[in-house]
Structure formats: structure tokens, C-alpha cells
Amino acid sequence: MDRTGSGRVRRVDAQANRGRILDIAEEVFGRGGESASTEEVARLAGVGIATVFRHFPTKALLLQAVLVRRFDRLRERAEAMLGAEHPGTAFFDFFRDVVADAATKIAISEALLDAGGDSDGEATRAAAGLRRAVGALLQRAQEAGAVRADVALPEVYALLVALSHAAAGKHTAAGAKALTVVFDGLKPQGAV
């Protein structure tokens, strides 16, 4: 059971409400960005607005919790892929999935900034954990000879972020071709 800040055991129904609120908020803010409302989250989650604010006293805290959960899920997935039989395939598949999922994450991130979210808070720490996991996937892919040894995490992450923003914006039609070009550039010379 989860404990509240005062050390009390959180009721099972309160935990279920919190999880449902986060699930719905991820969908609502991922679709509507900063224009989405906590009232819509409450309505779709089947709870009162007071219940939402009991769990998340501000819109920014709700958005931060949603974003942290997304980053944590991605990090956990990357860490699980570290043991893959084919590290290169794992790296490129993960990269592709992050880009494909970018529009929702970016909408939530922008909504968090618009709501006055803490730029050095939990979301920043969760993003750093994801970055480390991507670095570990990169290292394994390089050790397997599937990714060029002369690229480092900052360059790879810059490509990941740029392609994510392109995929989330007006350039979605070029997304698949751009991924192919980037992946070809990350592979060692002569690799197929």
C-alpha cells in the first residue's frame, strides 16, 4: 500500500482514483495540450474536481505526475531492452518508438510549462533517468558494432529530440524518411 506524506496508508479506492486520474490526464493533455482542463479530466475519470485537486493541488502538479510517469515507463522499457539479444535492433526500435510517441509527450511538456511547472522538478529528474537509459542502449549497440563508435549520447539525443519535434509538428510526412536517413547515418560505414 502507498503511504501519504503524513505516513497514513492510502485507501485502495484513493489509489485507484489517482491511477485513473493520471490515465485520463495523460490522454486529455496529450490530445489537448495546454487548452485541456482539469475539469475534463475529472469528468472523464468519473470523479469530482475536488478529488483531482486532493491528489494534485495544482494543474502543474498533475501534469508533472503524468510526465514523470511517461518518462519512467520509457526508462523502464529501455532498461528492459538492455538484455536484448540484438542490441542494435533494440536501440533502433526504441528510438523509433520514442519518436512515434513524441506528439503526446511534447503536448504534455508544453502544457506543464504553460501551467508554471517546475523546470528543475521531478519531471527533469525522470527525463535524466530516461537519458541515462538511452545512453546505456547506445553503448550496448556500439559494443555490438550496430552503431558508429564515433557518436556520443549528446549527438544521438539531439537527433532524437529533433526528430521527435518534427514528428509532432508539421513535418510528419517526412518522419519515416528522416528516421531512415538518421539510422543510416548512425550505422557504421558499410553496415546494412
N, C-alpha and C. Protein backbone atom coordinates (compact mmCIF):
# COMPACT_ATOMS: atom_id res chain seq x y z
N MET A 1 0.84 -1.20 0.00
CA MET A 1 0.00 0.00 0.00
C MET A 1 0.88 1.25 0.00
N ASP A 2 0.37 2.27 -0.60
CA ASP A 2 1.06 3.54 -0.69
C ASP A 2 0.81 4.33 0.59
N ARG A 3 1.81 5.09 1.00
CA ARG A 3 1.64 5.93 2.19
C ARG A 3 1.56 7.38 1.77
N THR A 4 0.75 8.13 2.44
CA THR A 4 0.64 9.55 2.18
C THR A 4 1.80 10.25 2.86
N GLY A 5 1.94 11.53 2.62
CA GLY A 5 3.02 12.29 3.24
C GLY A 5 2.98 12.25 4.75
N SER A 6 1.82 12.06 5.35
CA SER A 6 1.71 12.02 6.81
C SER A 6 1.97 10.62 7.35
N GLY A 7 2.26 9.66 6.46
CA GLY A 7 2.55 8.31 6.91
C GLY A 7 1.34 7.40 6.96
N ARG A 8 0.14 7.94 6.72
CA ARG A 8 -1.06 7.10 6.73
C ARG A 8 -1.10 6.24 5.48
N VAL A 9 -1.67 5.08 5.62
CA VAL A 9 -1.84 4.19 4.48
C VAL A 9 -2.97 4.76 3.61
N ARG A 10 -2.66 4.94 2.32
CA ARG A 10 -3.66 5.48 1.40
C ARG A 10 -4.71 4.42 1.11
N ARG A 11 -5.95 4.81 1.14
CA ARG A 11 -7.04 3.88 0.87
C ARG A 11 -6.94 3.33 -0.55
N VAL A 12 -7.37 2.10 -0.72
CA VAL A 12 -7.31 1.44 -2.02
C VAL A 12 -8.10 2.22 -3.06
N ASP A 13 -9.28 2.73 -2.69
CA ASP A 13 -10.07 3.48 -3.66
C ASP A 13 -9.39 4.79 -4.03
N ALA A 14 -8.68 5.38 -3.10
CA ALA A 14 -7.95 6.61 -3.40
C ALA A 14 -6.81 6.32 -4.37
N GLN A 15 -6.15 5.19 -4.19
CA GLN A 15 -5.09 4.79 -5.13
C GLN A 15 -5.67 4.55 -6.52
N ALA A 16 -6.82 3.89 -6.57
CA ALA A 16 -7.47 3.64 -7.85
C ALA A 16 -7.88 4.95 -8.51
N ASN A 17 -8.43 5.89 -7.73
CA ASN A 17 -8.79 7.20 -8.26
C ASN A 17 -7.57 7.92 -8.83
N ARG A 18 -6.48 7.87 -8.09
CA ARG A 18 -5.25 8.55 -8.52
C ARG A 18 -4.78 7.96 -9.85
N GLY A 19 -4.75 6.65 -9.94
CA GLY A 19 -4.33 6.00 -11.18
C GLY A 19 -5.23 6.34 -12.35
N ARG A 20 -6.54 6.34 -12.12
CA ARG A 20 -7.49 6.68 -13.17
C ARG A 20 -7.33 8.14 -13.59
N ILE A 21 -7.13 9.01 -12.63
CA ILE A 21 -6.91 10.43 -12.95
C ILE A 21 -5.67 10.59 -13.82
N LEU A 22 -4.59 9.91 -13.46
CA LEU A 22 -3.36 10.01 -14.26
C LEU A 22 -3.56 9.44 -15.66
N ASP A 23 -4.26 8.32 -15.77
CA ASP A 23 -4.51 7.73 -17.09
C ASP A 23 -5.29 8.70 -17.97
N ILE A 24 -6.35 9.25 -17.41
CA ILE A 24 -7.21 10.17 -18.18
C ILE A 24 -6.46 11.46 -18.48
N ALA A 25 -5.72 11.98 -17.51
CA ALA A 25 -4.98 13.23 -17.72
C ALA A 25 -3.95 13.06 -18.84
N GLU A 26 -3.31 11.91 -18.89
CA GLU A 26 -2.34 11.65 -19.96
C GLU A 26 -3.02 11.72 -21.33
N GLU A 27 -4.19 11.14 -21.41
CA GLU A 27 -4.94 11.16 -22.67
C GLU A 27 -5.43 12.57 -23.00
N VAL A 28 -6.04 13.23 -22.01
CA VAL A 28 -6.64 14.55 -22.24
C VAL A 28 -5.57 15.59 -22.57
N PHE A 29 -4.51 15.67 -21.79
CA PHE A 29 -3.48 16.68 -22.03
C PHE A 29 -2.60 16.29 -23.22
N GLY A 30 -2.45 15.00 -23.48
CA GLY A 30 -1.70 14.57 -24.65
C GLY A 30 -2.41 14.95 -25.94
N ARG A 31 -3.71 15.00 -25.88
CA ARG A 31 -4.53 15.36 -27.04
C ARG A 31 -4.74 16.87 -27.13
N GLY A 32 -4.98 17.50 -25.97
CA GLY A 32 -5.37 18.91 -25.98
C GLY A 32 -4.32 19.89 -25.53
N GLY A 33 -3.19 19.39 -25.00
CA GLY A 33 -2.13 20.28 -24.56
C GLY A 33 -2.60 21.26 -23.50
N GLU A 34 -2.11 22.47 -23.60
CA GLU A 34 -2.40 23.47 -22.57
C GLU A 34 -3.86 23.90 -22.56
N SER A 35 -4.59 23.66 -23.65
CA SER A 35 -6.00 24.05 -23.68
C SER A 35 -6.90 23.05 -22.95
N ALA A 36 -6.38 21.87 -22.63
CA ALA A 36 -7.17 20.88 -21.90
C ALA A 36 -7.35 21.33 -20.45
N SER A 37 -8.39 20.82 -19.81
CA SER A 37 -8.69 21.29 -18.46
C SER A 37 -8.74 20.15 -17.44
N THR A 38 -8.48 20.51 -16.20
CA THR A 38 -8.61 19.54 -15.11
C THR A 38 -10.07 19.14 -14.93
N GLU A 39 -11.00 20.03 -15.28
CA GLU A 39 -12.42 19.70 -15.19
C GLU A 39 -12.75 18.55 -16.14
N GLU A 40 -12.19 18.58 -17.34
CA GLU A 40 -12.42 17.50 -18.29
C GLU A 40 -11.82 16.19 -17.78
N VAL A 41 -10.64 16.29 -17.17
CA VAL A 41 -10.01 15.11 -16.58
C VAL A 41 -10.92 14.51 -15.51
N ALA A 42 -11.42 15.35 -14.63
CA ALA A 42 -12.31 14.87 -13.55
C ALA A 42 -13.55 14.21 -14.13
N ARG A 43 -14.16 14.86 -15.10
CA ARG A 43 -15.39 14.33 -15.69
C ARG A 43 -15.14 12.96 -16.33
N LEU A 44 -14.10 12.85 -17.13
CA LEU A 44 -13.81 11.58 -17.82
C LEU A 44 -13.32 10.49 -16.86
N ALA A 45 -12.69 10.91 -15.76
CA ALA A 45 -12.23 9.93 -14.76
C ALA A 45 -13.36 9.49 -13.85
N GLY A 46 -14.50 10.18 -13.93
CA GLY A 46 -15.64 9.82 -13.10
C GLY A 46 -15.48 10.23 -11.64
N VAL A 47 -14.74 11.32 -11.42
CA VAL A 47 -14.55 11.84 -10.06
C VAL A 47 -14.86 13.33 -10.06
N GLY A 48 -15.03 13.87 -8.88
CA GLY A 48 -15.24 15.31 -8.77
C GLY A 48 -13.93 16.06 -8.89
N ILE A 49 -14.03 17.32 -9.23
CA ILE A 49 -12.83 18.15 -9.37
C ILE A 49 -12.07 18.22 -8.05
N ALA A 50 -12.81 18.15 -6.93
CA ALA A 50 -12.15 18.18 -5.62
C ALA A 50 -11.26 16.95 -5.44
N THR A 51 -11.67 15.83 -5.98
CA THR A 51 -10.84 14.62 -5.89
C THR A 51 -9.55 14.80 -6.68
N VAL A 52 -9.65 15.39 -7.85
CA VAL A 52 -8.45 15.66 -8.65
C VAL A 52 -7.51 16.55 -7.85
N PHE A 53 -8.04 17.64 -7.29
CA PHE A 53 -7.19 18.58 -6.57
C PHE A 53 -6.72 18.05 -5.22
N ARG A 54 -7.40 17.06 -4.67
CA ARG A 54 -6.92 16.43 -3.44
C ARG A 54 -5.62 15.66 -3.75
N HIS A 55 -5.59 15.00 -4.89
CA HIS A 55 -4.41 14.25 -5.30
C HIS A 55 -3.33 15.16 -5.88
N PHE A 56 -3.77 16.18 -6.63
CA PHE A 56 -2.85 17.07 -7.34
C PHE A 56 -3.35 18.49 -7.13
N PRO A 57 -2.84 19.19 -6.12
CA PRO A 57 -3.37 20.51 -5.75
C PRO A 57 -3.33 21.57 -6.86
N THR A 58 -2.48 21.36 -7.87
CA THR A 58 -2.44 22.31 -8.99
C THR A 58 -2.40 21.54 -10.31
N LYS A 59 -2.77 22.23 -11.35
CA LYS A 59 -2.70 21.64 -12.69
C LYS A 59 -1.25 21.27 -13.01
N ALA A 60 -0.32 22.12 -12.60
CA ALA A 60 1.10 21.85 -12.85
C ALA A 60 1.55 20.55 -12.18
N LEU A 61 1.09 20.30 -10.96
CA LEU A 61 1.48 19.06 -10.27
C LEU A 61 0.87 17.84 -10.94
N LEU A 62 -0.34 17.97 -11.46
CA LEU A 62 -0.96 16.88 -12.21
C LEU A 62 -0.16 16.59 -13.48
N LEU A 63 0.16 17.63 -14.22
CA LEU A 63 0.92 17.46 -15.45
C LEU A 63 2.31 16.89 -15.17
N GLN A 64 2.92 17.35 -14.10
CA GLN A 64 4.24 16.83 -13.73
C GLN A 64 4.16 15.33 -13.43
N ALA A 65 3.13 14.92 -12.70
CA ALA A 65 2.97 13.50 -12.38
C ALA A 65 2.76 12.66 -13.64
N VAL A 66 1.99 13.20 -14.58
CA VAL A 66 1.75 12.50 -15.85
C VAL A 66 3.06 12.36 -16.62
N LEU A 67 3.81 13.44 -16.70
CA LEU A 67 5.07 13.42 -17.45
C LEU A 67 6.10 12.51 -16.80
N VAL A 68 6.18 12.55 -15.48
CA VAL A 68 7.11 11.67 -14.76
C VAL A 68 6.77 10.22 -15.05
N ARG A 69 5.50 9.90 -15.02
CA ARG A 69 5.08 8.53 -15.27
C ARG A 69 5.44 8.10 -16.69
N ARG A 70 5.27 8.99 -17.66
CA ARG A 70 5.64 8.67 -19.06
C ARG A 70 7.14 8.43 -19.16
N PHE A 71 7.94 9.33 -18.58
CA PHE A 71 9.40 9.17 -18.63
C PHE A 71 9.82 7.88 -17.93
N ASP A 72 9.21 7.59 -16.79
CA ASP A 72 9.55 6.37 -16.06
C ASP A 72 9.21 5.12 -16.87
N ARG A 73 8.06 5.13 -17.53
CA ARG A 73 7.69 3.97 -18.38
C ARG A 73 8.69 3.78 -19.51
N LEU A 74 9.08 4.88 -20.15
CA LEU A 74 10.06 4.79 -21.23
C LEU A 74 11.41 4.30 -20.70
N ARG A 75 11.82 4.83 -19.56
CA ARG A 75 13.11 4.40 -18.97
C ARG A 75 13.07 2.92 -18.64
N GLU A 76 11.99 2.47 -18.03
CA GLU A 76 11.86 1.06 -17.69
C GLU A 76 11.90 0.19 -18.94
N ARG A 77 11.26 0.66 -19.99
CA ARG A 77 11.27 -0.11 -21.25
C ARG A 77 12.69 -0.16 -21.82
N ALA A 78 13.39 0.98 -21.81
CA ALA A 78 14.77 1.00 -22.30
C ALA A 78 15.64 0.07 -21.48
N GLU A 79 15.48 0.10 -20.17
CA GLU A 79 16.28 -0.76 -19.30
C GLU A 79 15.98 -2.23 -19.56
N ALA A 80 14.72 -2.55 -19.83
CA ALA A 80 14.36 -3.93 -20.13
C ALA A 80 14.98 -4.39 -21.44
N MET A 81 15.18 -3.46 -22.36
CA MET A 81 15.76 -3.79 -23.67
C MET A 81 17.27 -3.96 -23.62
N LEU A 82 17.87 -3.59 -22.50
CA LEU A 82 19.33 -3.72 -22.38
C LEU A 82 19.79 -5.17 -22.50
N GLY A 83 18.95 -6.10 -22.16
CA GLY A 83 19.31 -7.51 -22.25
C GLY A 83 18.93 -8.15 -23.57
N ALA A 84 18.50 -7.36 -24.54
CA ALA A 84 18.08 -7.91 -25.83
C ALA A 84 19.22 -8.64 -26.52
N GLU A 85 18.85 -9.68 -27.23
CA GLU A 85 19.83 -10.48 -27.96
C GLU A 85 20.52 -9.66 -29.05
N HIS A 86 19.79 -8.73 -29.65
CA HIS A 86 20.34 -7.89 -30.72
C HIS A 86 20.30 -6.43 -30.27
N PRO A 87 21.38 -5.95 -29.65
CA PRO A 87 21.40 -4.58 -29.10
C PRO A 87 21.13 -3.49 -30.13
N GLY A 88 21.58 -3.69 -31.37
CA GLY A 88 21.33 -2.69 -32.40
C GLY A 88 19.85 -2.57 -32.71
N THR A 89 19.19 -3.69 -32.87
CA THR A 89 17.75 -3.69 -33.12
C THR A 89 17.01 -3.05 -31.95
N ALA A 90 17.43 -3.39 -30.74
CA ALA A 90 16.78 -2.80 -29.55
C ALA A 90 16.93 -1.29 -29.55
N PHE A 91 18.14 -0.80 -29.84
CA PHE A 91 18.40 0.65 -29.85
C PHE A 91 17.53 1.34 -30.90
N PHE A 92 17.56 0.84 -32.14
CA PHE A 92 16.81 1.50 -33.21
C PHE A 92 15.30 1.37 -33.02
N ASP A 93 14.83 0.25 -32.50
CA ASP A 93 13.39 0.11 -32.22
C ASP A 93 12.95 1.09 -31.14
N PHE A 94 13.76 1.22 -30.09
CA PHE A 94 13.41 2.15 -29.02
C PHE A 94 13.40 3.58 -29.55
N PHE A 95 14.41 3.95 -30.31
CA PHE A 95 14.50 5.29 -30.91
C PHE A 95 13.24 5.56 -31.72
N ARG A 96 12.85 4.62 -32.58
CA ARG A 96 11.67 4.77 -33.44
C ARG A 96 10.40 4.94 -32.60
N ASP A 97 10.27 4.16 -31.55
CA ASP A 97 9.08 4.24 -30.69
C ASP A 97 8.99 5.57 -29.95
N VAL A 98 10.12 6.08 -29.51
CA VAL A 98 10.12 7.38 -28.82
C VAL A 98 9.68 8.48 -29.78
N VAL A 99 10.18 8.44 -31.00
CA VAL A 99 9.78 9.45 -32.00
C VAL A 99 8.29 9.32 -32.32
N ALA A 100 7.81 8.10 -32.47
CA ALA A 100 6.40 7.89 -32.80
C ALA A 100 5.48 8.39 -31.69
N ASP A 101 5.94 8.35 -30.45
CA ASP A 101 5.14 8.74 -29.29
C ASP A 101 5.34 10.21 -28.92
N ALA A 102 6.13 10.93 -29.69
CA ALA A 102 6.56 12.27 -29.29
C ALA A 102 5.45 13.30 -29.18
N ALA A 103 4.47 13.25 -30.05
CA ALA A 103 3.45 14.31 -30.05
C ALA A 103 2.75 14.41 -28.70
N THR A 104 2.41 13.28 -28.11
CA THR A 104 1.73 13.29 -26.81
C THR A 104 2.65 13.84 -25.72
N LYS A 105 3.90 13.37 -25.68
CA LYS A 105 4.83 13.82 -24.66
C LYS A 105 5.09 15.32 -24.78
N ILE A 106 5.26 15.78 -25.99
CA ILE A 106 5.52 17.21 -26.21
C ILE A 106 4.32 18.05 -25.79
N ALA A 107 3.12 17.60 -26.11
CA ALA A 107 1.91 18.34 -25.71
C ALA A 107 1.83 18.44 -24.19
N ILE A 108 2.13 17.35 -23.50
CA ILE A 108 2.08 17.35 -22.03
C ILE A 108 3.18 18.25 -21.47
N SER A 109 4.38 18.17 -22.04
CA SER A 109 5.50 19.01 -21.59
C SER A 109 5.19 20.49 -21.76
N GLU A 110 4.62 20.85 -22.91
CA GLU A 110 4.28 22.25 -23.15
C GLU A 110 3.17 22.72 -22.21
N ALA A 111 2.21 21.84 -21.95
CA ALA A 111 1.14 22.20 -21.02
C ALA A 111 1.72 22.41 -19.62
N LEU A 112 2.69 21.59 -19.24
CA LEU A 112 3.34 21.74 -17.93
C LEU A 112 4.05 23.09 -17.84
N LEU A 113 4.78 23.46 -18.89
CA LEU A 113 5.46 24.76 -18.88
C LEU A 113 4.45 25.90 -18.82
N ASP A 114 3.36 25.79 -19.58
CA ASP A 114 2.33 26.83 -19.57
C ASP A 114 1.64 26.95 -18.22
N ALA A 115 1.58 25.82 -17.50
CA ALA A 115 0.94 25.83 -16.17
C ALA A 115 1.91 26.28 -15.08
N GLY A 116 3.12 26.66 -15.47
CA GLY A 116 4.10 27.14 -14.50
C GLY A 116 4.81 26.02 -13.77
N GLY A 117 4.95 24.88 -14.43
CA GLY A 117 5.62 23.73 -13.82
C GLY A 117 7.07 24.02 -13.50
N ASP A 118 7.58 23.29 -12.53
CA ASP A 118 8.95 23.43 -12.05
C ASP A 118 9.92 22.82 -13.05
N SER A 119 10.77 23.63 -13.63
CA SER A 119 11.71 23.13 -14.63
C SER A 119 12.81 22.27 -14.01
N ASP A 120 13.01 22.33 -12.72
CA ASP A 120 14.04 21.52 -12.07
C ASP A 120 13.41 20.50 -11.11
N GLY A 121 12.19 20.10 -11.40
CA GLY A 121 11.48 19.20 -10.50
C GLY A 121 11.61 17.74 -10.87
N GLU A 122 10.61 16.98 -10.47
CA GLU A 122 10.60 15.54 -10.69
C GLU A 122 10.66 15.17 -12.16
N ALA A 123 10.00 15.94 -13.01
CA ALA A 123 10.00 15.63 -14.44
C ALA A 123 11.41 15.74 -15.01
N THR A 124 12.16 16.72 -14.55
CA THR A 124 13.54 16.88 -15.01
C THR A 124 14.38 15.69 -14.57
N ARG A 125 14.20 15.25 -13.33
CA ARG A 125 14.96 14.08 -12.85
C ARG A 125 14.55 12.82 -13.61
N ALA A 126 13.25 12.66 -13.89
CA ALA A 126 12.79 11.49 -14.64
C ALA A 126 13.33 11.52 -16.06
N ALA A 127 13.38 12.70 -16.66
CA ALA A 127 13.94 12.83 -18.02
C ALA A 127 15.42 12.46 -18.02
N ALA A 128 16.13 12.84 -16.97
CA ALA A 128 17.56 12.49 -16.87
C ALA A 128 17.74 10.98 -16.75
N GLY A 129 16.84 10.32 -16.04
CA GLY A 129 16.89 8.86 -15.93
C GLY A 129 16.66 8.20 -17.28
N LEU A 130 15.73 8.74 -18.06
CA LEU A 130 15.48 8.24 -19.41
C LEU A 130 16.72 8.44 -20.27
N ARG A 131 17.32 9.59 -20.17
CA ARG A 131 18.52 9.89 -20.97
C ARG A 131 19.63 8.89 -20.65
N ARG A 132 19.83 8.58 -19.37
CA ARG A 132 20.85 7.59 -18.99
C ARG A 132 20.55 6.22 -19.59
N ALA A 133 19.26 5.84 -19.59
CA ALA A 133 18.87 4.55 -20.15
C ALA A 133 19.11 4.51 -21.66
N VAL A 134 18.84 5.61 -22.35
CA VAL A 134 19.12 5.69 -23.79
C VAL A 134 20.63 5.58 -24.01
N GLY A 135 21.41 6.22 -23.13
CA GLY A 135 22.86 6.11 -23.23
C GLY A 135 23.34 4.68 -23.07
N ALA A 136 22.72 3.94 -22.17
CA ALA A 136 23.10 2.53 -21.98
C ALA A 136 22.73 1.71 -23.21
N LEU A 137 21.55 1.97 -23.80
CA LEU A 137 21.18 1.28 -25.04
C LEU A 137 22.16 1.61 -26.17
N LEU A 138 22.54 2.86 -26.26
CA LEU A 138 23.50 3.29 -27.27
C LEU A 138 24.83 2.57 -27.08
N GLN A 139 25.31 2.54 -25.86
CA GLN A 139 26.59 1.89 -25.58
C GLN A 139 26.56 0.41 -25.97
N ARG A 140 25.48 -0.28 -25.62
CA ARG A 140 25.37 -1.70 -25.98
C ARG A 140 25.34 -1.87 -27.50
N ALA A 141 24.61 -0.99 -28.19
CA ALA A 141 24.54 -1.07 -29.66
C ALA A 141 25.92 -0.79 -30.27
N GLN A 142 26.66 0.13 -29.69
CA GLN A 142 28.01 0.42 -30.19
C GLN A 142 28.94 -0.77 -29.93
N GLU A 143 28.84 -1.35 -28.76
CA GLU A 143 29.68 -2.51 -28.44
C GLU A 143 29.39 -3.68 -29.38
N ALA A 144 28.16 -3.78 -29.84
CA ALA A 144 27.77 -4.84 -30.77
C ALA A 144 28.13 -4.50 -32.21
N GLY A 145 28.63 -3.28 -32.44
CA GLY A 145 29.00 -2.86 -33.79
C GLY A 145 27.83 -2.40 -34.64
N ALA A 146 26.68 -2.16 -34.03
CA ALA A 146 25.49 -1.76 -34.77
C ALA A 146 25.35 -0.25 -34.92
N VAL A 147 26.07 0.50 -34.09
CA VAL A 147 26.05 1.97 -34.13
C VAL A 147 27.50 2.45 -34.15
N ARG A 148 27.75 3.47 -34.93
CA ARG A 148 29.10 4.04 -35.04
C ARG A 148 29.68 4.35 -33.67
N ALA A 149 30.95 4.09 -33.52
CA ALA A 149 31.63 4.33 -32.24
C ALA A 149 31.97 5.81 -32.04
N ASP A 150 31.93 6.59 -33.11
CA ASP A 150 32.35 7.99 -33.01
C ASP A 150 31.20 8.95 -32.70
N VAL A 151 30.02 8.43 -32.36
CA VAL A 151 28.93 9.30 -31.93
C VAL A 151 28.71 9.08 -30.43
N ALA A 152 28.34 10.14 -29.78
CA ALA A 152 28.12 10.08 -28.33
C ALA A 152 26.66 10.41 -28.02
N LEU A 153 26.29 10.20 -26.79
CA LEU A 153 24.91 10.42 -26.37
C LEU A 153 24.40 11.84 -26.68
N PRO A 154 25.19 12.90 -26.48
CA PRO A 154 24.64 14.23 -26.78
C PRO A 154 24.18 14.37 -28.24
N GLU A 155 24.95 13.81 -29.19
CA GLU A 155 24.55 13.89 -30.59
C GLU A 155 23.30 13.04 -30.86
N VAL A 156 23.31 11.83 -30.31
CA VAL A 156 22.17 10.93 -30.51
C VAL A 156 20.92 11.53 -29.89
N TYR A 157 21.05 12.10 -28.72
CA TYR A 157 19.88 12.68 -28.05
C TYR A 157 19.38 13.91 -28.81
N ALA A 158 20.29 14.68 -29.37
CA ALA A 158 19.88 15.84 -30.18
C ALA A 158 19.08 15.38 -31.39
N LEU A 159 19.51 14.29 -32.02
CA LEU A 159 18.77 13.73 -33.15
C LEU A 159 17.40 13.22 -32.70
N LEU A 160 17.37 12.56 -31.57
CA LEU A 160 16.12 12.03 -31.03
C LEU A 160 15.12 13.15 -30.76
N VAL A 161 15.59 14.21 -30.13
CA VAL A 161 14.73 15.35 -29.82
C VAL A 161 14.27 16.04 -31.10
N ALA A 162 15.19 16.26 -32.03
CA ALA A 162 14.83 16.95 -33.28
C ALA A 162 13.79 16.15 -34.07
N LEU A 163 14.01 14.85 -34.20
CA LEU A 163 13.06 14.03 -34.94
C LEU A 163 11.72 13.94 -34.20
N SER A 164 11.76 13.95 -32.89
CA SER A 164 10.53 13.94 -32.10
C SER A 164 9.72 15.20 -32.36
N HIS A 165 10.38 16.34 -32.37
CA HIS A 165 9.68 17.60 -32.63
C HIS A 165 9.16 17.65 -34.06
N ALA A 166 9.94 17.14 -35.00
CA ALA A 166 9.48 17.11 -36.39
C ALA A 166 8.27 16.21 -36.53
N ALA A 167 8.31 15.06 -35.89
CA ALA A 167 7.18 14.11 -35.97
C ALA A 167 5.93 14.67 -35.31
N ALA A 168 6.11 15.50 -34.27
CA ALA A 168 4.97 16.06 -33.56
C ALA A 168 4.40 17.29 -34.25
N GLY A 169 5.16 17.86 -35.15
CA GLY A 169 4.74 19.09 -35.80
C GLY A 169 4.20 18.89 -37.19
N LYS A 170 4.54 19.82 -38.03
CA LYS A 170 4.03 19.85 -39.40
C LYS A 170 4.77 18.89 -40.33
N HIS A 171 5.85 18.32 -39.87
CA HIS A 171 6.71 17.55 -40.76
C HIS A 171 6.51 16.04 -40.63
N THR A 172 5.33 15.63 -40.26
CA THR A 172 5.08 14.20 -40.03
C THR A 172 5.25 13.37 -41.28
N ALA A 173 4.96 13.91 -42.44
CA ALA A 173 5.08 13.15 -43.69
C ALA A 173 6.53 12.76 -43.96
N ALA A 174 7.46 13.57 -43.54
CA ALA A 174 8.87 13.29 -43.78
C ALA A 174 9.47 12.42 -42.69
N GLY A 175 8.69 12.10 -41.66
CA GLY A 175 9.20 11.39 -40.49
C GLY A 175 9.85 10.06 -40.78
N ALA A 176 9.19 9.20 -41.53
CA ALA A 176 9.73 7.87 -41.81
C ALA A 176 11.02 7.97 -42.62
N LYS A 177 11.04 8.83 -43.60
CA LYS A 177 12.25 9.01 -44.42
C LYS A 177 13.38 9.60 -43.57
N ALA A 178 13.04 10.54 -42.70
CA ALA A 178 14.06 11.14 -41.84
C ALA A 178 14.66 10.10 -40.90
N LEU A 179 13.83 9.22 -40.36
CA LEU A 179 14.34 8.15 -39.50
C LEU A 179 15.31 7.25 -40.27
N THR A 180 14.96 6.92 -41.49
CA THR A 180 15.84 6.08 -42.31
C THR A 180 17.18 6.77 -42.54
N VAL A 181 17.15 8.05 -42.85
CA VAL A 181 18.38 8.79 -43.08
C VAL A 181 19.22 8.85 -41.81
N VAL A 182 18.60 9.14 -40.68
CA VAL A 182 19.33 9.22 -39.41
C VAL A 182 19.90 7.86 -39.04
N PHE A 183 19.09 6.83 -39.16
CA PHE A 183 19.56 5.48 -38.82
C PHE A 183 20.72 5.08 -39.71
N ASP A 184 20.65 5.38 -41.01
CA ASP A 184 21.76 5.08 -41.91
C ASP A 184 23.03 5.83 -41.47
N GLY A 185 22.85 7.06 -41.01
CA GLY A 185 23.99 7.85 -40.56
C GLY A 185 24.59 7.36 -39.25
N LEU A 186 23.76 6.73 -38.42
CA LEU A 186 24.26 6.21 -37.13
C LEU A 186 24.94 4.85 -37.28
N LYS A 187 24.68 4.15 -38.36
CA LYS A 187 25.29 2.83 -38.54
C LYS A 187 26.72 2.99 -39.02
N PRO A 188 27.57 2.05 -38.65
CA PRO A 188 28.97 2.11 -39.10
C PRO A 188 29.05 2.08 -40.63
N GLN A 189 30.08 2.67 -41.18
CA GLN A 189 30.29 2.67 -42.63
C GLN A 189 30.24 1.25 -43.15
N GLY A 190 29.51 1.01 -44.22
CA GLY A 190 29.43 -0.30 -44.82
C GLY A 190 28.40 -1.22 -44.19
N ALA A 191 27.76 -0.80 -43.09
CA ALA A 191 26.74 -1.63 -42.45
C ALA A 191 25.43 -1.54 -43.22
N VAL A 192 24.67 -2.60 -43.19
CA VAL A 192 23.38 -2.61 -43.91
C VAL A 192 22.27 -2.32 -42.94
